[in-house]
Protein backbone atom coordinates (compact mmCIF):
# COMPACT_ATOMS: atom_id res chain seq x y z
CA MET A 1 0.00 0.00 0.00
CA ALA A 2 1.31 3.43 -0.90
CA ASN A 3 1.90 5.99 1.79
CA PHE A 4 0.95 9.48 0.76
CA THR A 5 1.90 12.77 2.39
CA LYS A 6 -0.74 14.88 4.06
CA GLU A 7 -0.58 17.40 1.21
CA GLN A 8 -1.12 14.72 -1.44
CA ILE A 9 -4.14 13.28 0.34
CA GLU A 10 -5.56 16.74 0.95
CA MET A 11 -5.26 17.60 -2.75
CA GLN A 12 -6.88 14.33 -3.84
CA ILE A 13 -9.80 14.76 -1.44
CA ARG A 14 -10.28 18.43 -2.31
CA ASP A 15 -10.31 17.72 -6.04
CA GLN A 16 -12.83 14.90 -5.61
CA LEU A 17 -15.12 17.03 -3.46
CA VAL A 18 -15.04 19.81 -6.07
CA ARG A 19 -15.90 17.25 -8.77
CA ASP A 20 -18.80 16.12 -6.57
CA GLY A 21 -20.18 19.67 -6.53
CA PHE A 22 -19.00 21.09 -3.24
CA PRO A 23 -17.88 24.75 -3.23
CA ILE A 24 -14.10 25.20 -3.15
CA ASN A 25 -14.02 26.73 0.34
CA VAL A 26 -16.05 23.85 1.76
CA ALA A 27 -13.90 21.34 -0.11
CA ARG A 28 -10.69 22.83 1.30
CA SER A 29 -11.90 22.71 4.88
CA ALA A 30 -13.25 19.18 4.59
CA ALA A 31 -10.08 18.00 2.80
CA ILE A 32 -7.97 19.15 5.73
CA HIS A 33 -10.07 17.04 8.09
CA GLY A 34 -9.94 14.08 5.73
CA ALA A 35 -6.15 14.34 5.46
CA ASN A 36 -5.85 14.50 9.25
CA HIS A 37 -7.97 11.36 9.44
CA TYR A 38 -5.61 9.62 6.99
CA ILE A 39 -2.50 10.63 8.94
CA ASP A 40 -3.88 9.90 12.42
CA ARG A 41 -5.36 6.45 11.73
CA ALA A 42 -3.05 3.53 11.02
CA ASN A 43 -5.51 1.62 8.82
CA ALA A 44 -7.08 4.59 7.05
CA THR A 45 -7.38 4.48 3.28
CA VAL A 46 -7.94 7.26 0.79
CA ALA A 47 -11.53 6.06 0.36
CA SER A 48 -12.23 6.12 4.11
CA SER A 49 -10.64 9.57 4.39
CA LEU A 50 -12.82 10.82 1.53
CA ALA A 51 -15.93 9.44 3.25
CA TYR A 52 -14.85 11.14 6.48
CA ALA A 53 -14.36 14.43 4.63
CA LYS A 54 -17.78 14.17 2.98
CA THR A 55 -19.51 13.71 6.33
CA TYR A 56 -17.67 16.78 7.58
CA ALA A 57 -18.53 18.80 4.44
CA LYS A 58 -22.29 18.24 4.46
CA PRO A 59 -23.06 20.68 7.30
CA LEU A 60 -20.58 23.20 5.88
CA LYS A 61 -22.63 23.51 2.69
CA ARG A 62 -25.17 25.54 4.63
CA ILE A 63 -23.86 29.05 4.17
CA LYS A 64 -25.15 32.06 6.09
CA ASP A 65 -27.14 34.62 4.12
CA LYS A 66 -28.02 32.04 1.48
CA PRO A 67 -31.77 31.85 1.01
CA GLU A 68 -33.32 28.50 1.76
CA THR A 69 -34.79 26.81 -1.29
CA LYS A 70 -37.92 24.70 -1.42
CA LYS A 71 -35.79 21.67 -2.20
CA SER A 72 -33.66 22.07 0.95
CA ARG A 73 -36.70 22.43 3.24
CA ARG A 74 -37.95 18.90 2.60
């Protein structure tokens, strides 16, 4: 198994989150947490770190001063 640096993992996670439609500022913040998860856990994989970052990013998508849409109220 390849060992990646924190910066490499962070970049991979950030790029994937942006491809999945997250705003860049949310993707950066979540990628940092995902990279920390990868570094801190001995058995962490890139996939598990991405999943961790996505769970962190979901609440961050709610931005202040953004009007609530009908779709998000359901």
